[in-house]
Each structure stands twice: as structure tokens, then as C-alpha cells.
Amino acid sequence: YILTTLKLISGIHDTHANIWSGNI
């Protein structure tokens, strides 16, 4: 789930867009 979400976020190609807060 977290990797699919990260792939979705990465798809907008914005260096500000990532998964933050040290996701466990």
C-alpha cells in the first residue's frame, strides 16, 4: 500500500511531493 501510494505521488514529478515524516 505504501509503495503504491508513493508511486502515485511520484507520478506528478514534483520534488516537493514525497512521503514524509519518516514513514515506518
PDBML (XML) file of the C-alpha atoms, coordinates in Angstrom:
<?xml version="1.0" encoding="UTF-8" ?>
<PDBx:datablock datablockName="MODEL"
   xmlns:PDBx="http://pdbml.pdb.org/schema/pdbx-v50.xsd"
   xmlns:xsi="http://www.w3.org/2001/XMLSchema-instance"
   xsi:schemaLocation="http://pdbml.pdb.org/schema/pdbx-v50.xsd pdbx-v50.xsd">
   <PDBx:atom_siteCategory>
      <PDBx:atom_site id="1">
         <PDBx:B_iso_or_equiv>0.00</PDBx:B_iso_or_equiv>
         <PDBx:Cartn_x>0.000</PDBx:Cartn_x>
         <PDBx:Cartn_y>0.000</PDBx:Cartn_y>
         <PDBx:Cartn_z>0.000</PDBx:Cartn_z>
         <PDBx:auth_asym_id>A</PDBx:auth_asym_id>
         <PDBx:auth_atom_id>CA</PDBx:auth_atom_id>
         <PDBx:auth_comp_id>TYR</PDBx:auth_comp_id>
         <PDBx:auth_seq_id>1</PDBx:auth_seq_id>
         <PDBx:group_PDB>ATOM</PDBx:group_PDB>
         <PDBx:label_alt_id xsi:nil="true" />
         <PDBx:label_asym_id>A</PDBx:label_asym_id>
         <PDBx:label_atom_id>CA</PDBx:label_atom_id>
         <PDBx:label_comp_id>TYR</PDBx:label_comp_id>
         <PDBx:label_entity_id>1</PDBx:label_entity_id>
         <PDBx:label_seq_id>1</PDBx:label_seq_id>
         <PDBx:occupancy>1.00</PDBx:occupancy>
         <PDBx:pdbx_PDB_model_num>1</PDBx:pdbx_PDB_model_num>
         <PDBx:type_symbol>C</PDBx:type_symbol>
      </PDBx:atom_site>
      <PDBx:atom_site id="2">
         <PDBx:B_iso_or_equiv>0.00</PDBx:B_iso_or_equiv>
         <PDBx:Cartn_x>2.726</PDBx:Cartn_x>
         <PDBx:Cartn_y>2.494</PDBx:Cartn_y>
         <PDBx:Cartn_z>0.906</PDBx:Cartn_z>
         <PDBx:auth_asym_id>A</PDBx:auth_asym_id>
         <PDBx:auth_atom_id>CA</PDBx:auth_atom_id>
         <PDBx:auth_comp_id>ILE</PDBx:auth_comp_id>
         <PDBx:auth_seq_id>2</PDBx:auth_seq_id>
         <PDBx:group_PDB>ATOM</PDBx:group_PDB>
         <PDBx:label_alt_id xsi:nil="true" />
         <PDBx:label_asym_id>A</PDBx:label_asym_id>
         <PDBx:label_atom_id>CA</PDBx:label_atom_id>
         <PDBx:label_comp_id>ILE</PDBx:label_comp_id>
         <PDBx:label_entity_id>1</PDBx:label_entity_id>
         <PDBx:label_seq_id>2</PDBx:label_seq_id>
         <PDBx:occupancy>1.00</PDBx:occupancy>
         <PDBx:pdbx_PDB_model_num>1</PDBx:pdbx_PDB_model_num>
         <PDBx:type_symbol>C</PDBx:type_symbol>
      </PDBx:atom_site>
      <PDBx:atom_site id="3">
         <PDBx:B_iso_or_equiv>0.00</PDBx:B_iso_or_equiv>
         <PDBx:Cartn_x>4.712</PDBx:Cartn_x>
         <PDBx:Cartn_y>1.713</PDBx:Cartn_y>
         <PDBx:Cartn_z>-2.259</PDBx:Cartn_z>
         <PDBx:auth_asym_id>A</PDBx:auth_asym_id>
         <PDBx:auth_atom_id>CA</PDBx:auth_atom_id>
         <PDBx:auth_comp_id>LEU</PDBx:auth_comp_id>
         <PDBx:auth_seq_id>3</PDBx:auth_seq_id>
         <PDBx:group_PDB>ATOM</PDBx:group_PDB>
         <PDBx:label_alt_id xsi:nil="true" />
         <PDBx:label_asym_id>A</PDBx:label_asym_id>
         <PDBx:label_atom_id>CA</PDBx:label_atom_id>
         <PDBx:label_comp_id>LEU</PDBx:label_comp_id>
         <PDBx:label_entity_id>1</PDBx:label_entity_id>
         <PDBx:label_seq_id>3</PDBx:label_seq_id>
         <PDBx:occupancy>1.00</PDBx:occupancy>
         <PDBx:pdbx_PDB_model_num>1</PDBx:pdbx_PDB_model_num>
         <PDBx:type_symbol>C</PDBx:type_symbol>
      </PDBx:atom_site>
      <PDBx:atom_site id="4">
         <PDBx:B_iso_or_equiv>0.00</PDBx:B_iso_or_equiv>
         <PDBx:Cartn_x>1.648</PDBx:Cartn_x>
         <PDBx:Cartn_y>2.086</PDBx:Cartn_y>
         <PDBx:Cartn_z>-4.490</PDBx:Cartn_z>
         <PDBx:auth_asym_id>A</PDBx:auth_asym_id>
         <PDBx:auth_atom_id>CA</PDBx:auth_atom_id>
         <PDBx:auth_comp_id>THR</PDBx:auth_comp_id>
         <PDBx:auth_seq_id>4</PDBx:auth_seq_id>
         <PDBx:group_PDB>ATOM</PDBx:group_PDB>
         <PDBx:label_alt_id xsi:nil="true" />
         <PDBx:label_asym_id>A</PDBx:label_asym_id>
         <PDBx:label_atom_id>CA</PDBx:label_atom_id>
         <PDBx:label_comp_id>THR</PDBx:label_comp_id>
         <PDBx:label_entity_id>1</PDBx:label_entity_id>
         <PDBx:label_seq_id>4</PDBx:label_seq_id>
         <PDBx:occupancy>1.00</PDBx:occupancy>
         <PDBx:pdbx_PDB_model_num>1</PDBx:pdbx_PDB_model_num>
         <PDBx:type_symbol>C</PDBx:type_symbol>
      </PDBx:atom_site>
      <PDBx:atom_site id="5">
         <PDBx:B_iso_or_equiv>0.00</PDBx:B_iso_or_equiv>
         <PDBx:Cartn_x>0.880</PDBx:Cartn_x>
         <PDBx:Cartn_y>5.418</PDBx:Cartn_y>
         <PDBx:Cartn_z>-2.824</PDBx:Cartn_z>
         <PDBx:auth_asym_id>A</PDBx:auth_asym_id>
         <PDBx:auth_atom_id>CA</PDBx:auth_atom_id>
         <PDBx:auth_comp_id>THR</PDBx:auth_comp_id>
         <PDBx:auth_seq_id>5</PDBx:auth_seq_id>
         <PDBx:group_PDB>ATOM</PDBx:group_PDB>
         <PDBx:label_alt_id xsi:nil="true" />
         <PDBx:label_asym_id>A</PDBx:label_asym_id>
         <PDBx:label_atom_id>CA</PDBx:label_atom_id>
         <PDBx:label_comp_id>THR</PDBx:label_comp_id>
         <PDBx:label_entity_id>1</PDBx:label_entity_id>
         <PDBx:label_seq_id>5</PDBx:label_seq_id>
         <PDBx:occupancy>1.00</PDBx:occupancy>
         <PDBx:pdbx_PDB_model_num>1</PDBx:pdbx_PDB_model_num>
         <PDBx:type_symbol>C</PDBx:type_symbol>
      </PDBx:atom_site>
      <PDBx:atom_site id="6">
         <PDBx:B_iso_or_equiv>0.00</PDBx:B_iso_or_equiv>
         <PDBx:Cartn_x>4.490</PDBx:Cartn_x>
         <PDBx:Cartn_y>6.538</PDBx:Cartn_y>
         <PDBx:Cartn_z>-3.306</PDBx:Cartn_z>
         <PDBx:auth_asym_id>A</PDBx:auth_asym_id>
         <PDBx:auth_atom_id>CA</PDBx:auth_atom_id>
         <PDBx:auth_comp_id>LEU</PDBx:auth_comp_id>
         <PDBx:auth_seq_id>6</PDBx:auth_seq_id>
         <PDBx:group_PDB>ATOM</PDBx:group_PDB>
         <PDBx:label_alt_id xsi:nil="true" />
         <PDBx:label_asym_id>A</PDBx:label_asym_id>
         <PDBx:label_atom_id>CA</PDBx:label_atom_id>
         <PDBx:label_comp_id>LEU</PDBx:label_comp_id>
         <PDBx:label_entity_id>1</PDBx:label_entity_id>
         <PDBx:label_seq_id>6</PDBx:label_seq_id>
         <PDBx:occupancy>1.00</PDBx:occupancy>
         <PDBx:pdbx_PDB_model_num>1</PDBx:pdbx_PDB_model_num>
         <PDBx:type_symbol>C</PDBx:type_symbol>
      </PDBx:atom_site>
      <PDBx:atom_site id="7">
         <PDBx:B_iso_or_equiv>0.00</PDBx:B_iso_or_equiv>
         <PDBx:Cartn_x>4.326</PDBx:Cartn_x>
         <PDBx:Cartn_y>5.533</PDBx:Cartn_y>
         <PDBx:Cartn_z>-6.974</PDBx:Cartn_z>
         <PDBx:auth_asym_id>A</PDBx:auth_asym_id>
         <PDBx:auth_atom_id>CA</PDBx:auth_atom_id>
         <PDBx:auth_comp_id>LYS</PDBx:auth_comp_id>
         <PDBx:auth_seq_id>7</PDBx:auth_seq_id>
         <PDBx:group_PDB>ATOM</PDBx:group_PDB>
         <PDBx:label_alt_id xsi:nil="true" />
         <PDBx:label_asym_id>A</PDBx:label_asym_id>
         <PDBx:label_atom_id>CA</PDBx:label_atom_id>
         <PDBx:label_comp_id>LYS</PDBx:label_comp_id>
         <PDBx:label_entity_id>1</PDBx:label_entity_id>
         <PDBx:label_seq_id>7</PDBx:label_seq_id>
         <PDBx:occupancy>1.00</PDBx:occupancy>
         <PDBx:pdbx_PDB_model_num>1</PDBx:pdbx_PDB_model_num>
         <PDBx:type_symbol>C</PDBx:type_symbol>
      </PDBx:atom_site>
      <PDBx:atom_site id="8">
         <PDBx:B_iso_or_equiv>0.00</PDBx:B_iso_or_equiv>
         <PDBx:Cartn_x>1.145</PDBx:Cartn_x>
         <PDBx:Cartn_y>7.620</PDBx:Cartn_y>
         <PDBx:Cartn_z>-7.343</PDBx:Cartn_z>
         <PDBx:auth_asym_id>A</PDBx:auth_asym_id>
         <PDBx:auth_atom_id>CA</PDBx:auth_atom_id>
         <PDBx:auth_comp_id>LEU</PDBx:auth_comp_id>
         <PDBx:auth_seq_id>8</PDBx:auth_seq_id>
         <PDBx:group_PDB>ATOM</PDBx:group_PDB>
         <PDBx:label_alt_id xsi:nil="true" />
         <PDBx:label_asym_id>A</PDBx:label_asym_id>
         <PDBx:label_atom_id>CA</PDBx:label_atom_id>
         <PDBx:label_comp_id>LEU</PDBx:label_comp_id>
         <PDBx:label_entity_id>1</PDBx:label_entity_id>
         <PDBx:label_seq_id>8</PDBx:label_seq_id>
         <PDBx:occupancy>1.00</PDBx:occupancy>
         <PDBx:pdbx_PDB_model_num>1</PDBx:pdbx_PDB_model_num>
         <PDBx:type_symbol>C</PDBx:type_symbol>
      </PDBx:atom_site>
      <PDBx:atom_site id="9">
         <PDBx:B_iso_or_equiv>0.00</PDBx:B_iso_or_equiv>
         <PDBx:Cartn_x>2.792</PDBx:Cartn_x>
         <PDBx:Cartn_y>10.619</PDBx:Cartn_y>
         <PDBx:Cartn_z>-5.651</PDBx:Cartn_z>
         <PDBx:auth_asym_id>A</PDBx:auth_asym_id>
         <PDBx:auth_atom_id>CA</PDBx:auth_atom_id>
         <PDBx:auth_comp_id>ILE</PDBx:auth_comp_id>
         <PDBx:auth_seq_id>9</PDBx:auth_seq_id>
         <PDBx:group_PDB>ATOM</PDBx:group_PDB>
         <PDBx:label_alt_id xsi:nil="true" />
         <PDBx:label_asym_id>A</PDBx:label_asym_id>
         <PDBx:label_atom_id>CA</PDBx:label_atom_id>
         <PDBx:label_comp_id>ILE</PDBx:label_comp_id>
         <PDBx:label_entity_id>1</PDBx:label_entity_id>
         <PDBx:label_seq_id>9</PDBx:label_seq_id>
         <PDBx:occupancy>1.00</PDBx:occupancy>
         <PDBx:pdbx_PDB_model_num>1</PDBx:pdbx_PDB_model_num>
         <PDBx:type_symbol>C</PDBx:type_symbol>
      </PDBx:atom_site>
      <PDBx:atom_site id="10">
         <PDBx:B_iso_or_equiv>0.00</PDBx:B_iso_or_equiv>
         <PDBx:Cartn_x>5.977</PDBx:Cartn_x>
         <PDBx:Cartn_y>10.233</PDBx:Cartn_y>
         <PDBx:Cartn_z>-7.693</PDBx:Cartn_z>
         <PDBx:auth_asym_id>A</PDBx:auth_asym_id>
         <PDBx:auth_atom_id>CA</PDBx:auth_atom_id>
         <PDBx:auth_comp_id>SER</PDBx:auth_comp_id>
         <PDBx:auth_seq_id>10</PDBx:auth_seq_id>
         <PDBx:group_PDB>ATOM</PDBx:group_PDB>
         <PDBx:label_alt_id xsi:nil="true" />
         <PDBx:label_asym_id>A</PDBx:label_asym_id>
         <PDBx:label_atom_id>CA</PDBx:label_atom_id>
         <PDBx:label_comp_id>SER</PDBx:label_comp_id>
         <PDBx:label_entity_id>1</PDBx:label_entity_id>
         <PDBx:label_seq_id>10</PDBx:label_seq_id>
         <PDBx:occupancy>1.00</PDBx:occupancy>
         <PDBx:pdbx_PDB_model_num>1</PDBx:pdbx_PDB_model_num>
         <PDBx:type_symbol>C</PDBx:type_symbol>
      </PDBx:atom_site>
      <PDBx:atom_site id="11">
         <PDBx:B_iso_or_equiv>0.00</PDBx:B_iso_or_equiv>
         <PDBx:Cartn_x>3.876</PDBx:Cartn_x>
         <PDBx:Cartn_y>10.381</PDBx:Cartn_y>
         <PDBx:Cartn_z>-10.846</PDBx:Cartn_z>
         <PDBx:auth_asym_id>A</PDBx:auth_asym_id>
         <PDBx:auth_atom_id>CA</PDBx:auth_atom_id>
         <PDBx:auth_comp_id>GLY</PDBx:auth_comp_id>
         <PDBx:auth_seq_id>11</PDBx:auth_seq_id>
         <PDBx:group_PDB>ATOM</PDBx:group_PDB>
         <PDBx:label_alt_id xsi:nil="true" />
         <PDBx:label_asym_id>A</PDBx:label_asym_id>
         <PDBx:label_atom_id>CA</PDBx:label_atom_id>
         <PDBx:label_comp_id>GLY</PDBx:label_comp_id>
         <PDBx:label_entity_id>1</PDBx:label_entity_id>
         <PDBx:label_seq_id>11</PDBx:label_seq_id>
         <PDBx:occupancy>1.00</PDBx:occupancy>
         <PDBx:pdbx_PDB_model_num>1</PDBx:pdbx_PDB_model_num>
         <PDBx:type_symbol>C</PDBx:type_symbol>
      </PDBx:atom_site>
      <PDBx:atom_site id="12">
         <PDBx:B_iso_or_equiv>0.00</PDBx:B_iso_or_equiv>
         <PDBx:Cartn_x>3.274</PDBx:Cartn_x>
         <PDBx:Cartn_y>14.132</PDBx:Cartn_y>
         <PDBx:Cartn_z>-10.572</PDBx:Cartn_z>
         <PDBx:auth_asym_id>A</PDBx:auth_asym_id>
         <PDBx:auth_atom_id>CA</PDBx:auth_atom_id>
         <PDBx:auth_comp_id>ILE</PDBx:auth_comp_id>
         <PDBx:auth_seq_id>12</PDBx:auth_seq_id>
         <PDBx:group_PDB>ATOM</PDBx:group_PDB>
         <PDBx:label_alt_id xsi:nil="true" />
         <PDBx:label_asym_id>A</PDBx:label_asym_id>
         <PDBx:label_atom_id>CA</PDBx:label_atom_id>
         <PDBx:label_comp_id>ILE</PDBx:label_comp_id>
         <PDBx:label_entity_id>1</PDBx:label_entity_id>
         <PDBx:label_seq_id>12</PDBx:label_seq_id>
         <PDBx:occupancy>1.00</PDBx:occupancy>
         <PDBx:pdbx_PDB_model_num>1</PDBx:pdbx_PDB_model_num>
         <PDBx:type_symbol>C</PDBx:type_symbol>
      </PDBx:atom_site>
      <PDBx:atom_site id="13">
         <PDBx:B_iso_or_equiv>0.00</PDBx:B_iso_or_equiv>
         <PDBx:Cartn_x>7.047</PDBx:Cartn_x>
         <PDBx:Cartn_y>14.765</PDBx:Cartn_y>
         <PDBx:Cartn_z>-10.844</PDBx:Cartn_z>
         <PDBx:auth_asym_id>A</PDBx:auth_asym_id>
         <PDBx:auth_atom_id>CA</PDBx:auth_atom_id>
         <PDBx:auth_comp_id>HIS</PDBx:auth_comp_id>
         <PDBx:auth_seq_id>13</PDBx:auth_seq_id>
         <PDBx:group_PDB>ATOM</PDBx:group_PDB>
         <PDBx:label_alt_id xsi:nil="true" />
         <PDBx:label_asym_id>A</PDBx:label_asym_id>
         <PDBx:label_atom_id>CA</PDBx:label_atom_id>
         <PDBx:label_comp_id>HIS</PDBx:label_comp_id>
         <PDBx:label_entity_id>1</PDBx:label_entity_id>
         <PDBx:label_seq_id>13</PDBx:label_seq_id>
         <PDBx:occupancy>1.00</PDBx:occupancy>
         <PDBx:pdbx_PDB_model_num>1</PDBx:pdbx_PDB_model_num>
         <PDBx:type_symbol>C</PDBx:type_symbol>
      </PDBx:atom_site>
      <PDBx:atom_site id="14">
         <PDBx:B_iso_or_equiv>0.00</PDBx:B_iso_or_equiv>
         <PDBx:Cartn_x>7.394</PDBx:Cartn_x>
         <PDBx:Cartn_y>17.359</PDBx:Cartn_y>
         <PDBx:Cartn_z>-8.118</PDBx:Cartn_z>
         <PDBx:auth_asym_id>A</PDBx:auth_asym_id>
         <PDBx:auth_atom_id>CA</PDBx:auth_atom_id>
         <PDBx:auth_comp_id>ASP</PDBx:auth_comp_id>
         <PDBx:auth_seq_id>14</PDBx:auth_seq_id>
         <PDBx:group_PDB>ATOM</PDBx:group_PDB>
         <PDBx:label_alt_id xsi:nil="true" />
         <PDBx:label_asym_id>A</PDBx:label_asym_id>
         <PDBx:label_atom_id>CA</PDBx:label_atom_id>
         <PDBx:label_comp_id>ASP</PDBx:label_comp_id>
         <PDBx:label_entity_id>1</PDBx:label_entity_id>
         <PDBx:label_seq_id>14</PDBx:label_seq_id>
         <PDBx:occupancy>1.00</PDBx:occupancy>
         <PDBx:pdbx_PDB_model_num>1</PDBx:pdbx_PDB_model_num>
         <PDBx:type_symbol>C</PDBx:type_symbol>
      </PDBx:atom_site>
      <PDBx:atom_site id="15">
         <PDBx:B_iso_or_equiv>0.00</PDBx:B_iso_or_equiv>
         <PDBx:Cartn_x>10.428</PDBx:Cartn_x>
         <PDBx:Cartn_y>17.237</PDBx:Cartn_y>
         <PDBx:Cartn_z>-5.828</PDBx:Cartn_z>
         <PDBx:auth_asym_id>A</PDBx:auth_asym_id>
         <PDBx:auth_atom_id>CA</PDBx:auth_atom_id>
         <PDBx:auth_comp_id>THR</PDBx:auth_comp_id>
         <PDBx:auth_seq_id>15</PDBx:auth_seq_id>
         <PDBx:group_PDB>ATOM</PDBx:group_PDB>
         <PDBx:label_alt_id xsi:nil="true" />
         <PDBx:label_asym_id>A</PDBx:label_asym_id>
         <PDBx:label_atom_id>CA</PDBx:label_atom_id>
         <PDBx:label_comp_id>THR</PDBx:label_comp_id>
         <PDBx:label_entity_id>1</PDBx:label_entity_id>
         <PDBx:label_seq_id>15</PDBx:label_seq_id>
         <PDBx:occupancy>1.00</PDBx:occupancy>
         <PDBx:pdbx_PDB_model_num>1</PDBx:pdbx_PDB_model_num>
         <PDBx:type_symbol>C</PDBx:type_symbol>
      </PDBx:atom_site>
      <PDBx:atom_site id="16">
         <PDBx:B_iso_or_equiv>0.00</PDBx:B_iso_or_equiv>
         <PDBx:Cartn_x>8.243</PDBx:Cartn_x>
         <PDBx:Cartn_y>18.622</PDBx:Cartn_y>
         <PDBx:Cartn_z>-3.023</PDBx:Cartn_z>
         <PDBx:auth_asym_id>A</PDBx:auth_asym_id>
         <PDBx:auth_atom_id>CA</PDBx:auth_atom_id>
         <PDBx:auth_comp_id>HIS</PDBx:auth_comp_id>
         <PDBx:auth_seq_id>16</PDBx:auth_seq_id>
         <PDBx:group_PDB>ATOM</PDBx:group_PDB>
         <PDBx:label_alt_id xsi:nil="true" />
         <PDBx:label_asym_id>A</PDBx:label_asym_id>
         <PDBx:label_atom_id>CA</PDBx:label_atom_id>
         <PDBx:label_comp_id>HIS</PDBx:label_comp_id>
         <PDBx:label_entity_id>1</PDBx:label_entity_id>
         <PDBx:label_seq_id>16</PDBx:label_seq_id>
         <PDBx:occupancy>1.00</PDBx:occupancy>
         <PDBx:pdbx_PDB_model_num>1</PDBx:pdbx_PDB_model_num>
         <PDBx:type_symbol>C</PDBx:type_symbol>
      </PDBx:atom_site>
      <PDBx:atom_site id="17">
         <PDBx:B_iso_or_equiv>0.00</PDBx:B_iso_or_equiv>
         <PDBx:Cartn_x>5.961</PDBx:Cartn_x>
         <PDBx:Cartn_y>15.595</PDBx:Cartn_y>
         <PDBx:Cartn_z>-3.409</PDBx:Cartn_z>
         <PDBx:auth_asym_id>A</PDBx:auth_asym_id>
         <PDBx:auth_atom_id>CA</PDBx:auth_atom_id>
         <PDBx:auth_comp_id>ALA</PDBx:auth_comp_id>
         <PDBx:auth_seq_id>17</PDBx:auth_seq_id>
         <PDBx:group_PDB>ATOM</PDBx:group_PDB>
         <PDBx:label_alt_id xsi:nil="true" />
         <PDBx:label_asym_id>A</PDBx:label_asym_id>
         <PDBx:label_atom_id>CA</PDBx:label_atom_id>
         <PDBx:label_comp_id>ALA</PDBx:label_comp_id>
         <PDBx:label_entity_id>1</PDBx:label_entity_id>
         <PDBx:label_seq_id>17</PDBx:label_seq_id>
         <PDBx:occupancy>1.00</PDBx:occupancy>
         <PDBx:pdbx_PDB_model_num>1</PDBx:pdbx_PDB_model_num>
         <PDBx:type_symbol>C</PDBx:type_symbol>
      </PDBx:atom_site>
      <PDBx:atom_site id="18">
         <PDBx:B_iso_or_equiv>0.00</PDBx:B_iso_or_equiv>
         <PDBx:Cartn_x>7.166</PDBx:Cartn_x>
         <PDBx:Cartn_y>12.574</PDBx:Cartn_y>
         <PDBx:Cartn_z>-1.462</PDBx:Cartn_z>
         <PDBx:auth_asym_id>A</PDBx:auth_asym_id>
         <PDBx:auth_atom_id>CA</PDBx:auth_atom_id>
         <PDBx:auth_comp_id>ASN</PDBx:auth_comp_id>
         <PDBx:auth_seq_id>18</PDBx:auth_seq_id>
         <PDBx:group_PDB>ATOM</PDBx:group_PDB>
         <PDBx:label_alt_id xsi:nil="true" />
         <PDBx:label_asym_id>A</PDBx:label_asym_id>
         <PDBx:label_atom_id>CA</PDBx:label_atom_id>
         <PDBx:label_comp_id>ASN</PDBx:label_comp_id>
         <PDBx:label_entity_id>1</PDBx:label_entity_id>
         <PDBx:label_seq_id>18</PDBx:label_seq_id>
         <PDBx:occupancy>1.00</PDBx:occupancy>
         <PDBx:pdbx_PDB_model_num>1</PDBx:pdbx_PDB_model_num>
         <PDBx:type_symbol>C</PDBx:type_symbol>
      </PDBx:atom_site>
      <PDBx:atom_site id="19">
         <PDBx:B_iso_or_equiv>0.00</PDBx:B_iso_or_equiv>
         <PDBx:Cartn_x>6.178</PDBx:Cartn_x>
         <PDBx:Cartn_y>10.571</PDBx:Cartn_y>
         <PDBx:Cartn_z>1.596</PDBx:Cartn_z>
         <PDBx:auth_asym_id>A</PDBx:auth_asym_id>
         <PDBx:auth_atom_id>CA</PDBx:auth_atom_id>
         <PDBx:auth_comp_id>ILE</PDBx:auth_comp_id>
         <PDBx:auth_seq_id>19</PDBx:auth_seq_id>
         <PDBx:group_PDB>ATOM</PDBx:group_PDB>
         <PDBx:label_alt_id xsi:nil="true" />
         <PDBx:label_asym_id>A</PDBx:label_asym_id>
         <PDBx:label_atom_id>CA</PDBx:label_atom_id>
         <PDBx:label_comp_id>ILE</PDBx:label_comp_id>
         <PDBx:label_entity_id>1</PDBx:label_entity_id>
         <PDBx:label_seq_id>19</PDBx:label_seq_id>
         <PDBx:occupancy>1.00</PDBx:occupancy>
         <PDBx:pdbx_PDB_model_num>1</PDBx:pdbx_PDB_model_num>
         <PDBx:type_symbol>C</PDBx:type_symbol>
      </PDBx:atom_site>
      <PDBx:atom_site id="20">
         <PDBx:B_iso_or_equiv>0.00</PDBx:B_iso_or_equiv>
         <PDBx:Cartn_x>7.451</PDBx:Cartn_x>
         <PDBx:Cartn_y>12.481</PDBx:Cartn_y>
         <PDBx:Cartn_z>4.604</PDBx:Cartn_z>
         <PDBx:auth_asym_id>A</PDBx:auth_asym_id>
         <PDBx:auth_atom_id>CA</PDBx:auth_atom_id>
         <PDBx:auth_comp_id>TRP</PDBx:auth_comp_id>
         <PDBx:auth_seq_id>20</PDBx:auth_seq_id>
         <PDBx:group_PDB>ATOM</PDBx:group_PDB>
         <PDBx:label_alt_id xsi:nil="true" />
         <PDBx:label_asym_id>A</PDBx:label_asym_id>
         <PDBx:label_atom_id>CA</PDBx:label_atom_id>
         <PDBx:label_comp_id>TRP</PDBx:label_comp_id>
         <PDBx:label_entity_id>1</PDBx:label_entity_id>
         <PDBx:label_seq_id>20</PDBx:label_seq_id>
         <PDBx:occupancy>1.00</PDBx:occupancy>
         <PDBx:pdbx_PDB_model_num>1</PDBx:pdbx_PDB_model_num>
         <PDBx:type_symbol>C</PDBx:type_symbol>
      </PDBx:atom_site>
      <PDBx:atom_site id="21">
         <PDBx:B_iso_or_equiv>0.00</PDBx:B_iso_or_equiv>
         <PDBx:Cartn_x>7.532</PDBx:Cartn_x>
         <PDBx:Cartn_y>12.010</PDBx:Cartn_y>
         <PDBx:Cartn_z>8.401</PDBx:Cartn_z>
         <PDBx:auth_asym_id>A</PDBx:auth_asym_id>
         <PDBx:auth_atom_id>CA</PDBx:auth_atom_id>
         <PDBx:auth_comp_id>SER</PDBx:auth_comp_id>
         <PDBx:auth_seq_id>21</PDBx:auth_seq_id>
         <PDBx:group_PDB>ATOM</PDBx:group_PDB>
         <PDBx:label_alt_id xsi:nil="true" />
         <PDBx:label_asym_id>A</PDBx:label_asym_id>
         <PDBx:label_atom_id>CA</PDBx:label_atom_id>
         <PDBx:label_comp_id>SER</PDBx:label_comp_id>
         <PDBx:label_entity_id>1</PDBx:label_entity_id>
         <PDBx:label_seq_id>21</PDBx:label_seq_id>
         <PDBx:occupancy>1.00</PDBx:occupancy>
         <PDBx:pdbx_PDB_model_num>1</PDBx:pdbx_PDB_model_num>
         <PDBx:type_symbol>C</PDBx:type_symbol>
      </PDBx:atom_site>
      <PDBx:atom_site id="22">
         <PDBx:B_iso_or_equiv>0.00</PDBx:B_iso_or_equiv>
         <PDBx:Cartn_x>9.846</PDBx:Cartn_x>
         <PDBx:Cartn_y>9.007</PDBx:Cartn_y>
         <PDBx:Cartn_z>8.349</PDBx:Cartn_z>
         <PDBx:auth_asym_id>A</PDBx:auth_asym_id>
         <PDBx:auth_atom_id>CA</PDBx:auth_atom_id>
         <PDBx:auth_comp_id>GLY</PDBx:auth_comp_id>
         <PDBx:auth_seq_id>22</PDBx:auth_seq_id>
         <PDBx:group_PDB>ATOM</PDBx:group_PDB>
         <PDBx:label_alt_id xsi:nil="true" />
         <PDBx:label_asym_id>A</PDBx:label_asym_id>
         <PDBx:label_atom_id>CA</PDBx:label_atom_id>
         <PDBx:label_comp_id>GLY</PDBx:label_comp_id>
         <PDBx:label_entity_id>1</PDBx:label_entity_id>
         <PDBx:label_seq_id>22</PDBx:label_seq_id>
         <PDBx:occupancy>1.00</PDBx:occupancy>
         <PDBx:pdbx_PDB_model_num>1</PDBx:pdbx_PDB_model_num>
         <PDBx:type_symbol>C</PDBx:type_symbol>
      </PDBx:atom_site>
      <PDBx:atom_site id="23">
         <PDBx:B_iso_or_equiv>0.00</PDBx:B_iso_or_equiv>
         <PDBx:Cartn_x>7.091</PDBx:Cartn_x>
         <PDBx:Cartn_y>6.539</PDBx:Cartn_y>
         <PDBx:Cartn_z>7.429</PDBx:Cartn_z>
         <PDBx:auth_asym_id>A</PDBx:auth_asym_id>
         <PDBx:auth_atom_id>CA</PDBx:auth_atom_id>
         <PDBx:auth_comp_id>ASN</PDBx:auth_comp_id>
         <PDBx:auth_seq_id>23</PDBx:auth_seq_id>
         <PDBx:group_PDB>ATOM</PDBx:group_PDB>
         <PDBx:label_alt_id xsi:nil="true" />
         <PDBx:label_asym_id>A</PDBx:label_asym_id>
         <PDBx:label_atom_id>CA</PDBx:label_atom_id>
         <PDBx:label_comp_id>ASN</PDBx:label_comp_id>
         <PDBx:label_entity_id>1</PDBx:label_entity_id>
         <PDBx:label_seq_id>23</PDBx:label_seq_id>
         <PDBx:occupancy>1.00</PDBx:occupancy>
         <PDBx:pdbx_PDB_model_num>1</PDBx:pdbx_PDB_model_num>
         <PDBx:type_symbol>C</PDBx:type_symbol>
      </PDBx:atom_site>
      <PDBx:atom_site id="24">
         <PDBx:B_iso_or_equiv>0.00</PDBx:B_iso_or_equiv>
         <PDBx:Cartn_x>7.855</PDBx:Cartn_x>
         <PDBx:Cartn_y>3.294</PDBx:Cartn_y>
         <PDBx:Cartn_z>9.280</PDBx:Cartn_z>
         <PDBx:auth_asym_id>A</PDBx:auth_asym_id>
         <PDBx:auth_atom_id>CA</PDBx:auth_atom_id>
         <PDBx:auth_comp_id>ILE</PDBx:auth_comp_id>
         <PDBx:auth_seq_id>24</PDBx:auth_seq_id>
         <PDBx:group_PDB>ATOM</PDBx:group_PDB>
         <PDBx:label_alt_id xsi:nil="true" />
         <PDBx:label_asym_id>A</PDBx:label_asym_id>
         <PDBx:label_atom_id>CA</PDBx:label_atom_id>
         <PDBx:label_comp_id>ILE</PDBx:label_comp_id>
         <PDBx:label_entity_id>1</PDBx:label_entity_id>
         <PDBx:label_seq_id>24</PDBx:label_seq_id>
         <PDBx:occupancy>1.00</PDBx:occupancy>
         <PDBx:pdbx_PDB_model_num>1</PDBx:pdbx_PDB_model_num>
         <PDBx:type_symbol>C</PDBx:type_symbol>
      </PDBx:atom_site>
   </PDBx:atom_siteCategory>
</PDBx:datablock>
